[in-house]
Amino acid sequence: MPASDPTPSAVDDLPAVSDLSYEQARDELVGVVTRLEAGGETLEGSLALWERGEALARRCQEWLDGARRRLDAARSPAGEDEATSTEDER
């Protein structure tokens, strides 16, 4: 997506945020931030970019939260008993 095309439709033509992998969402978010920091966008274009950036940030957080849940679940059978006994010893 070229930086010279600030139209909201440029954002509308992108894939749905819900379809993006963590890496895709993160990379696109970096691009959105770069464009916003560079300025030169119209107000409407800046708002569209901001909204896309917010959605991308939420998507990244969803991926990270999911990864954390998976790690916690993988550790819970052994880690739950250890955490309880460690807290009891304090």
PDB file of N, CA and C in Angstrom:
ATOM      1  N   MET A   1       0.852  -1.171   0.000  1.00  0.00           N
ATOM      2  CA  MET A   1       0.000   0.000   0.000  1.00  0.00           C
ATOM      3  C   MET A   1       0.894   1.230   0.000  1.00  0.00           C
ATOM      4  N   PRO A   2       0.915   2.036  -1.051  1.00  0.00           N
ATOM      5  CA  PRO A   2       1.789   3.197  -1.118  1.00  0.00           C
ATOM      6  C   PRO A   2       1.371   4.285  -0.146  1.00  0.00           C
ATOM      7  N   ALA A   3       2.353   4.979   0.397  1.00  0.00           N
ATOM      8  CA  ALA A   3       2.088   6.037   1.373  1.00  0.00           C
ATOM      9  C   ALA A   3       1.400   7.229   0.726  1.00  0.00           C
ATOM     10  N   SER A   4       1.454   7.351  -0.590  1.00  0.00           N
ATOM     11  CA  SER A   4       0.851   8.502  -1.261  1.00  0.00           C
ATOM     12  C   SER A   4      -0.644   8.340  -1.470  1.00  0.00           C
ATOM     13  N   ASP A   5      -1.213   7.204  -1.126  1.00  0.00           N
ATOM     14  CA  ASP A   5      -2.640   6.968  -1.308  1.00  0.00           C
ATOM     15  C   ASP A   5      -3.345   6.985   0.045  1.00  0.00           C
ATOM     16  N   PRO A   6      -3.760   8.172   0.520  1.00  0.00           N
ATOM     17  CA  PRO A   6      -4.344   8.282   1.852  1.00  0.00           C
ATOM     18  C   PRO A   6      -5.841   8.038   1.909  1.00  0.00           C
ATOM     19  N   THR A   7      -6.456   7.592   0.832  1.00  0.00           N
ATOM     20  CA  THR A   7      -7.902   7.460   0.811  1.00  0.00           C
ATOM     21  C   THR A   7      -8.362   6.329   1.719  1.00  0.00           C
ATOM     22  N   PRO A   8      -9.495   6.499   2.377  1.00  0.00           N
ATOM     23  CA  PRO A   8     -10.031   5.437   3.223  1.00  0.00           C
ATOM     24  C   PRO A   8     -10.253   4.142   2.456  1.00  0.00           C
ATOM     25  N   SER A   9     -10.542   4.248   1.144  1.00  0.00           N
ATOM     26  CA  SER A   9     -10.779   3.028   0.380  1.00  0.00           C
ATOM     27  C   SER A   9      -9.525   2.162   0.328  1.00  0.00           C
ATOM     28  N   ALA A  10      -8.344   2.772   0.464  1.00  0.00           N
ATOM     29  CA  ALA A  10      -7.111   1.992   0.502  1.00  0.00           C
ATOM     30  C   ALA A  10      -7.114   1.068   1.718  1.00  0.00           C
ATOM     31  N   VAL A  11      -7.716   1.506   2.794  1.00  0.00           N
ATOM     32  CA  VAL A  11      -7.844   0.674   3.993  1.00  0.00           C
ATOM     33  C   VAL A  11      -8.938  -0.355   3.785  1.00  0.00           C
ATOM     34  N   ASP A  12     -10.014   0.027   3.129  1.00  0.00           N
ATOM     35  CA  ASP A  12     -11.145  -0.877   2.907  1.00  0.00           C
ATOM     36  C   ASP A  12     -10.769  -2.058   2.018  1.00  0.00           C
ATOM     37  N   ASP A  13      -9.793  -1.893   1.152  1.00  0.00           N
ATOM     38  CA  ASP A  13      -9.399  -2.949   0.220  1.00  0.00           C
ATOM     39  C   ASP A  13      -8.487  -3.988   0.855  1.00  0.00           C
ATOM     40  N   LEU A  14      -8.085  -3.792   2.080  1.00  0.00           N
ATOM     41  CA  LEU A  14      -7.187  -4.718   2.760  1.00  0.00           C
ATOM     42  C   LEU A  14      -7.955  -5.933   3.278  1.00  0.00           C
ATOM     43  N   PRO A  15      -7.248  -7.034   3.540  1.00  0.00           N
ATOM     44  CA  PRO A  15      -7.936  -8.219   4.070  1.00  0.00           C
ATOM     45  C   PRO A  15      -8.536  -7.947   5.445  1.00  0.00           C
ATOM     46  N   ALA A  16      -9.533  -8.720   5.780  1.00  0.00           N
ATOM     47  CA  ALA A  16     -10.168  -8.581   7.088  1.00  0.00           C
ATOM     48  C   ALA A  16      -9.133  -8.838   8.183  1.00  0.00           C
ATOM     49  N   VAL A  17      -9.154  -8.016   9.208  1.00  0.00           N
ATOM     50  CA  VAL A  17      -8.201  -8.145  10.305  1.00  0.00           C
ATOM     51  C   VAL A  17      -8.312  -9.525  10.950  1.00  0.00           C
ATOM     52  N   SER A  18      -9.511 -10.048  11.045  1.00  0.00           N
ATOM     53  CA  SER A  18      -9.719 -11.349  11.687  1.00  0.00           C
ATOM     54  C   SER A  18      -9.064 -12.499  10.921  1.00  0.00           C
ATOM     55  N   ASP A  19      -8.704 -12.276   9.662  1.00  0.00           N
ATOM     56  CA  ASP A  19      -8.066 -13.306   8.852  1.00  0.00           C
ATOM     57  C   ASP A  19      -6.541 -13.271   8.932  1.00  0.00           C
ATOM     58  N   LEU A  20      -5.986 -12.289   9.632  1.00  0.00           N
ATOM     59  CA  LEU A  20      -4.538 -12.106   9.650  1.00  0.00           C
ATOM     60  C   LEU A  20      -3.865 -12.926  10.742  1.00  0.00           C
ATOM     61  N   SER A  21      -2.680 -13.426  10.423  1.00  0.00           N
ATOM     62  CA  SER A  21      -1.849 -14.068  11.438  1.00  0.00           C
ATOM     63  C   SER A  21      -1.270 -12.972  12.337  1.00  0.00           C
ATOM     64  N   TYR A  22      -0.657 -13.386  13.418  1.00  0.00           N
ATOM     65  CA  TYR A  22      -0.029 -12.408  14.311  1.00  0.00           C
ATOM     66  C   TYR A  22       1.014 -11.589  13.555  1.00  0.00           C
ATOM     67  N   GLU A  23       1.863 -12.272  12.806  1.00  0.00           N
ATOM     68  CA  GLU A  23       2.943 -11.587  12.099  1.00  0.00           C
ATOM     69  C   GLU A  23       2.409 -10.622  11.049  1.00  0.00           C
ATOM     70  N   GLN A  24       1.365 -11.023  10.331  1.00  0.00           N
ATOM     71  CA  GLN A  24       0.768 -10.141   9.330  1.00  0.00           C
ATOM     72  C   GLN A  24       0.174  -8.904   9.988  1.00  0.00           C
ATOM     73  N   ALA A  25      -0.555  -9.098  11.074  1.00  0.00           N
ATOM     74  CA  ALA A  25      -1.175  -7.967  11.777  1.00  0.00           C
ATOM     75  C   ALA A  25      -0.112  -7.035  12.344  1.00  0.00           C
ATOM     76  N   ARG A  26       0.927  -7.608  12.937  1.00  0.00           N
ATOM     77  CA  ARG A  26       2.004  -6.793  13.511  1.00  0.00           C
ATOM     78  C   ARG A  26       2.714  -5.979  12.431  1.00  0.00           C
ATOM     79  N   ASP A  27       3.039  -6.620  11.312  1.00  0.00           N
ATOM     80  CA  ASP A  27       3.740  -5.919  10.236  1.00  0.00           C
ATOM     81  C   ASP A  27       2.886  -4.798   9.645  1.00  0.00           C
ATOM     82  N   GLU A  28       1.601  -5.075   9.469  1.00  0.00           N
ATOM     83  CA  GLU A  28       0.725  -4.033   8.938  1.00  0.00           C
ATOM     84  C   GLU A  28       0.574  -2.892   9.945  1.00  0.00           C
ATOM     85  N   LEU A  29       0.502  -3.223  11.231  1.00  0.00           N
ATOM     86  CA  LEU A  29       0.398  -2.198  12.265  1.00  0.00           C
ATOM     87  C   LEU A  29       1.620  -1.288  12.245  1.00  0.00           C
ATOM     88  N   VAL A  30       2.792  -1.853  12.056  1.00  0.00           N
ATOM     89  CA  VAL A  30       4.017  -1.040  11.956  1.00  0.00           C
ATOM     90  C   VAL A  30       3.894  -0.065  10.781  1.00  0.00           C
ATOM     91  N   GLY A  31       3.374  -0.551   9.660  1.00  0.00           N
ATOM     92  CA  GLY A  31       3.179   0.315   8.499  1.00  0.00           C
ATOM     93  C   GLY A  31       2.180   1.427   8.751  1.00  0.00           C
ATOM     94  N   VAL A  32       1.103   1.111   9.456  1.00  0.00           N
ATOM     95  CA  VAL A  32       0.089   2.117   9.787  1.00  0.00           C
ATOM     96  C   VAL A  32       0.695   3.205  10.675  1.00  0.00           C
ATOM     97  N   VAL A  33       1.425   2.787  11.685  1.00  0.00           N
ATOM     98  CA  VAL A  33       2.051   3.755  12.595  1.00  0.00           C
ATOM     99  C   VAL A  33       3.030   4.642  11.826  1.00  0.00           C
ATOM    100  N   THR A  34       3.809   4.038  10.947  1.00  0.00           N
ATOM    101  CA  THR A  34       4.774   4.804  10.146  1.00  0.00           C
ATOM    102  C   THR A  34       4.068   5.854   9.302  1.00  0.00           C
ATOM    103  N   ARG A  35       2.977   5.459   8.675  1.00  0.00           N
ATOM    104  CA  ARG A  35       2.228   6.416   7.845  1.00  0.00           C
ATOM    105  C   ARG A  35       1.628   7.533   8.682  1.00  0.00           C
ATOM    106  N   LEU A  36       1.084   7.198   9.837  1.00  0.00           N
ATOM    107  CA  LEU A  36       0.491   8.232  10.686  1.00  0.00           C
ATOM    108  C   LEU A  36       1.562   9.188  11.209  1.00  0.00           C
ATOM    109  N   GLU A  37       2.714   8.646  11.594  1.00  0.00           N
ATOM    110  CA  GLU A  37       3.789   9.495  12.104  1.00  0.00           C
ATOM    111  C   GLU A  37       4.359  10.396  11.016  1.00  0.00           C
ATOM    112  N   ALA A  38       4.360   9.932   9.775  1.00  0.00           N
ATOM    113  CA  ALA A  38       4.904  10.711   8.659  1.00  0.00           C
ATOM    114  C   ALA A  38       4.012  11.898   8.324  1.00  0.00           C
ATOM    115  N   GLY A  39       2.727  11.787   8.656  1.00  0.00           N
ATOM    116  CA  GLY A  39       1.791  12.858   8.341  1.00  0.00           C
ATOM    117  C   GLY A  39       1.481  12.866   6.851  1.00  0.00           C
ATOM    118  N   GLY A  40       0.843  13.923   6.414  1.00  0.00           N
ATOM    119  CA  GLY A  40       0.518  14.054   5.005  1.00  0.00           C
ATOM    120  C   GLY A  40      -0.775  13.392   4.593  1.00  0.00           C
ATOM    121  N   GLU A  41      -1.432  12.731   5.511  1.00  0.00           N
ATOM    122  CA  GLU A  41      -2.712  12.091   5.207  1.00  0.00           C
ATOM    123  C   GLU A  41      -3.833  13.120   5.387  1.00  0.00           C
ATOM    124  N   THR A  42      -4.915  12.889   4.683  1.00  0.00           N
ATOM    125  CA  THR A  42      -6.096  13.716   4.924  1.00  0.00           C
ATOM    126  C   THR A  42      -6.675  13.330   6.281  1.00  0.00           C
ATOM    127  N   LEU A  43      -7.554  14.144   6.793  1.00  0.00           N
ATOM    128  CA  LEU A  43      -8.207  13.819   8.058  1.00  0.00           C
ATOM    129  C   LEU A  43      -8.948  12.496   7.946  1.00  0.00           C
ATOM    130  N   GLU A  44      -9.691  12.331   6.874  1.00  0.00           N
ATOM    131  CA  GLU A  44     -10.457  11.099   6.661  1.00  0.00           C
ATOM    132  C   GLU A  44      -9.515   9.903   6.534  1.00  0.00           C
ATOM    133  N   GLY A  45      -8.431  10.075   5.812  1.00  0.00           N
ATOM    134  CA  GLY A  45      -7.448   9.004   5.656  1.00  0.00           C
ATOM    135  C   GLY A  45      -6.779   8.656   6.971  1.00  0.00           C
ATOM    136  N   SER A  46      -6.453   9.686   7.755  1.00  0.00           N
ATOM    137  CA  SER A  46      -5.828   9.456   9.063  1.00  0.00           C
ATOM    138  C   SER A  46      -6.773   8.710   9.998  1.00  0.00           C
ATOM    139  N   LEU A  47      -8.034   9.078   9.993  1.00  0.00           N
ATOM    140  CA  LEU A  47      -9.012   8.385  10.837  1.00  0.00           C
ATOM    141  C   LEU A  47      -9.163   6.927  10.422  1.00  0.00           C
ATOM    142  N   ALA A  48      -9.183   6.682   9.118  1.00  0.00           N
ATOM    143  CA  ALA A  48      -9.299   5.304   8.626  1.00  0.00           C
ATOM    144  C   ALA A  48      -8.068   4.497   9.031  1.00  0.00           C
ATOM    145  N   LEU A  49      -6.901   5.097   8.916  1.00  0.00           N
ATOM    146  CA  LEU A  49      -5.677   4.417   9.336  1.00  0.00           C
ATOM    147  C   LEU A  49      -5.688   4.151  10.831  1.00  0.00           C
ATOM    148  N   TRP A  50      -6.113   5.142  11.606  1.00  0.00           N
ATOM    149  CA  TRP A  50      -6.165   4.976  13.067  1.00  0.00           C
ATOM    150  C   TRP A  50      -7.089   3.813  13.446  1.00  0.00           C
ATOM    151  N   GLU A  51      -8.249   3.784  12.844  1.00  0.00           N
ATOM    152  CA  GLU A  51      -9.205   2.711  13.136  1.00  0.00           C
ATOM    153  C   GLU A  51      -8.642   1.351  12.728  1.00  0.00           C
ATOM    154  N   ARG A  52      -7.981   1.293  11.595  1.00  0.00           N
ATOM    155  CA  ARG A  52      -7.358   0.039  11.157  1.00  0.00           C
ATOM    156  C   ARG A  52      -6.263  -0.349  12.154  1.00  0.00           C
ATOM    157  N   GLY A  53      -5.477   0.627  12.585  1.00  0.00           N
ATOM    158  CA  GLY A  53      -4.422   0.354  13.556  1.00  0.00           C
ATOM    159  C   GLY A  53      -4.971  -0.177  14.864  1.00  0.00           C
ATOM    160  N   GLU A  54      -6.062   0.388  15.332  1.00  0.00           N
ATOM    161  CA  GLU A  54      -6.693  -0.098  16.564  1.00  0.00           C
ATOM    162  C   GLU A  54      -7.146  -1.548  16.403  1.00  0.00           C
ATOM    163  N   ALA A  55      -7.744  -1.850  15.263  1.00  0.00           N
ATOM    164  CA  ALA A  55      -8.204  -3.222  15.000  1.00  0.00           C
ATOM    165  C   ALA A  55      -7.011  -4.180  14.907  1.00  0.00           C
ATOM    166  N   LEU A  56      -5.937  -3.737  14.289  1.00  0.00           N
ATOM    167  CA  LEU A  56      -4.731  -4.569  14.185  1.00  0.00           C
ATOM    168  C   LEU A  56      -4.122  -4.820  15.567  1.00  0.00           C
ATOM    169  N   ALA A  57      -4.091  -3.782  16.403  1.00  0.00           N
ATOM    170  CA  ALA A  57      -3.545  -3.939  17.756  1.00  0.00           C
ATOM    171  C   ALA A  57      -4.387  -4.931  18.562  1.00  0.00           C
ATOM    172  N   ARG A  58      -5.711  -4.853  18.423  1.00  0.00           N
ATOM    173  CA  ARG A  58      -6.586  -5.819  19.109  1.00  0.00           C
ATOM    174  C   ARG A  58      -6.315  -7.235  18.620  1.00  0.00           C
ATOM    175  N   ARG A  59      -6.123  -7.387  17.314  1.00  0.00           N
ATOM    176  CA  ARG A  59      -5.859  -8.712  16.741  1.00  0.00           C
ATOM    177  C   ARG A  59      -4.547  -9.272  17.278  1.00  0.00           C
ATOM    178  N   CYS A  60      -3.521  -8.436  17.344  1.00  0.00           N
ATOM    179  CA  CYS A  60      -2.243  -8.885  17.898  1.00  0.00           C
ATOM    180  C   CYS A  60      -2.426  -9.323  19.347  1.00  0.00           C
ATOM    181  N   GLN A  61      -3.186  -8.545  20.117  1.00  0.00           N
ATOM    182  CA  GLN A  61      -3.415  -8.899  21.518  1.00  0.00           C
ATOM    183  C   GLN A  61      -4.187 -10.206  21.639  1.00  0.00           C
ATOM    184  N   GLU A  62      -5.151 -10.435  20.741  1.00  0.00           N
ATOM    185  CA  GLU A  62      -5.880 -11.708  20.749  1.00  0.00           C
ATOM    186  C   GLU A  62      -4.922 -12.876  20.541  1.00  0.00           C
ATOM    187  N   TRP A  63      -4.007 -12.738  19.581  1.00  0.00           N
ATOM    188  CA  TRP A  63      -3.027 -13.796  19.338  1.00  0.00           C
ATOM    189  C   TRP A  63      -2.145 -14.017  20.562  1.00  0.00           C
ATOM    190  N   LEU A  64      -1.689 -12.933  21.166  1.00  0.00           N
ATOM    191  CA  LEU A  64      -0.819 -13.060  22.341  1.00  0.00           C
ATOM    192  C   LEU A  64      -1.569 -13.676  23.522  1.00  0.00           C
ATOM    193  N   ASP A  65      -2.808 -13.267  23.718  1.00  0.00           N
ATOM    194  CA  ASP A  65      -3.616 -13.843  24.800  1.00  0.00           C
ATOM    195  C   ASP A  65      -3.837 -15.335  24.574  1.00  0.00           C
ATOM    196  N   GLY A  66      -4.104 -15.707  23.327  1.00  0.00           N
ATOM    197  CA  GLY A  66      -4.285 -17.114  22.994  1.00  0.00           C
ATOM    198  C   GLY A  66      -3.023 -17.925  23.234  1.00  0.00           C
ATOM    199  N   ALA A  67      -1.889 -17.354  22.878  1.00  0.00           N
ATOM    200  CA  ALA A  67      -0.615 -18.040  23.111  1.00  0.00           C
ATOM    201  C   ALA A  67      -0.366 -18.209  24.605  1.00  0.00           C
ATOM    202  N   ARG A  68      -0.698 -17.176  25.385  1.00  0.00           N
ATOM    203  CA  ARG A  68      -0.518 -17.258  26.836  1.00  0.00           C
ATOM    204  C   ARG A  68      -1.410 -18.344  27.431  1.00  0.00           C
ATOM    205  N   ARG A  69      -2.661 -18.418  26.966  1.00  0.00           N
ATOM    206  CA  ARG A  69      -3.572 -19.462  27.455  1.00  0.00           C
ATOM    207  C   ARG A  69      -3.044 -20.853  27.124  1.00  0.00           C
ATOM    208  N   ARG A  70      -2.515 -21.009  25.922  1.00  0.00           N
ATOM    209  CA  ARG A  70      -1.961 -22.311  25.528  1.00  0.00           C
ATOM    210  C   ARG A  70      -0.766 -22.680  26.391  1.00  0.00           C
ATOM    211  N   LEU A  71       0.097 -21.712  26.662  1.00  0.00           N
ATOM    212  CA  LEU A  71       1.249 -21.982  27.533  1.00  0.00           C
ATOM    213  C   LEU A  71       0.796 -22.324  28.946  1.00  0.00           C
ATOM    214  N   ASP A  72      -0.152 -21.562  29.458  1.00  0.00           N
ATOM    215  CA  ASP A  72      -0.663 -21.828  30.805  1.00  0.00           C
ATOM    216  C   ASP A  72      -1.298 -23.212  30.887  1.00  0.00           C
ATOM    217  N   ALA A  73      -2.055 -23.583  29.851  1.00  0.00           N
ATOM    218  CA  ALA A  73      -2.705 -24.894  29.832  1.00  0.00           C
ATOM    219  C   ALA A  73      -1.665 -26.011  29.764  1.00  0.00           C
ATOM    220  N   ALA A  74      -0.608 -25.785  29.014  1.00  0.00           N
ATOM    221  CA  ALA A  74       0.424 -26.810  28.889  1.00  0.00           C
ATOM    222  C   ALA A  74       1.187 -26.996  30.196  1.00  0.00           C
ATOM    223  N   ARG A  75       1.290 -25.935  30.973  1.00  0.00           N
ATOM    224  CA  ARG A  75       2.024 -25.998  32.235  1.00  0.00           C
ATOM    225  C   ARG A  75       1.133 -26.295  33.429  1.00  0.00           C
ATOM    226  N   SER A  76      -0.166 -26.171  33.315  1.00  0.00           N
ATOM    227  CA  SER A  76      -1.049 -26.237  34.474  1.00  0.00           C
ATOM    228  C   SER A  76      -1.034 -27.564  35.230  1.00  0.00           C
ATOM    229  N   PRO A  77      -1.012 -28.722  34.602  1.00  0.00           N
ATOM    230  CA  PRO A  77      -1.039 -29.943  35.427  1.00  0.00           C
ATOM    231  C   PRO A  77       0.125 -30.018  36.411  1.00  0.00           C
ATOM    232  N   ALA A  78       1.333 -29.725  36.000  1.00  0.00           N
ATOM    233  CA  ALA A  78       2.484 -29.772  36.891  1.00  0.00           C
ATOM    234  C   ALA A  78       2.654 -28.452  37.631  1.00  0.00           C
ATOM    235  N   GLY A  79       2.425 -27.359  36.945  1.00  0.00           N
ATOM    236  CA  GLY A  79       2.677 -26.041  37.526  1.00  0.00           C
ATOM    237  C   GLY A  79       1.696 -25.628  38.591  1.00  0.00           C
ATOM    238  N   GLU A  80       0.460 -26.134  38.541  1.00  0.00           N
ATOM    239  CA  GLU A  80      -0.557 -25.747  39.511  1.00  0.00           C
ATOM    240  C   GLU A  80      -0.190 -26.221  40.919  1.00  0.00           C
ATOM    241  N   ASP A  81       0.234 -27.461  41.055  1.00  0.00           N
ATOM    242  CA  ASP A  81       0.600 -27.998  42.363  1.00  0.00           C
ATOM    243  C   ASP A  81       1.846 -27.309  42.908  1.00  0.00           C
ATOM    244  N   GLU A  82       2.823 -27.041  42.020  1.00  0.00           N
ATOM    245  CA  GLU A  82       4.048 -26.381  42.462  1.00  0.00           C
ATOM    246  C   GLU A  82       3.774 -24.969  42.921  1.00  0.00           C
ATOM    247  N   ALA A  83       2.929 -24.251  42.215  1.00  0.00           N
ATOM    248  CA  ALA A  83       2.619 -22.865  42.572  1.00  0.00           C
ATOM    249  C   ALA A  83       1.906 -22.818  43.926  1.00  0.00           C
ATOM    250  N   THR A  84       1.004 -23.767  44.167  1.00  0.00           N
ATOM    251  CA  THR A  84       0.275 -23.807  45.415  1.00  0.00           C
ATOM    252  C   THR A  84       1.224 -24.119  46.575  1.00  0.00           C
ATOM    253  N   SER A  85       2.096 -25.092  46.408  1.00  0.00           N
ATOM    254  CA  SER A  85       3.010 -25.430  47.490  1.00  0.00           C
ATOM    255  C   SER A  85       4.023 -24.335  47.744  1.00  0.00           C
ATOM    256  N   THR A  86       4.460 -23.633  46.708  1.00  0.00           N
ATOM    257  CA  THR A  86       5.403 -22.538  46.890  1.00  0.00           C
ATOM    258  C   THR A  86       4.743 -21.390  47.648  1.00  0.00           C
ATOM    259  N   GLU A  87       3.497 -21.080  47.331  1.00  0.00           N
ATOM    260  CA  GLU A  87       2.788 -19.999  48.037  1.00  0.00           C
ATOM    261  C   GLU A  87       2.531 -20.383  49.481  1.00  0.00           C
ATOM    262  N   ASP A  88       2.249 -21.654  49.772  1.00  0.00           N
ATOM    263  CA  ASP A  88       1.988 -22.104  51.121  1.00  0.00           C
ATOM    264  C   ASP A  88       3.255 -22.016  51.988  1.00  0.00           C
ATOM    265  N   GLU A  89       4.407 -22.192  51.363  1.00  0.00           N
ATOM    266  CA  GLU A  89       5.661 -22.171  52.115  1.00  0.00           C
ATOM    267  C   GLU A  89       6.064 -20.771  52.536  1.00  0.00           C
ATOM    268  N   ARG A  90       5.517 -19.736  51.895  1.00  0.00           N
ATOM    269  CA  ARG A  90       5.910 -18.350  52.211  1.00  0.00           C
ATOM    270  C   ARG A  90       5.348 -17.884  53.495  1.00  0.00           C
TER     271      ARG A  90
END
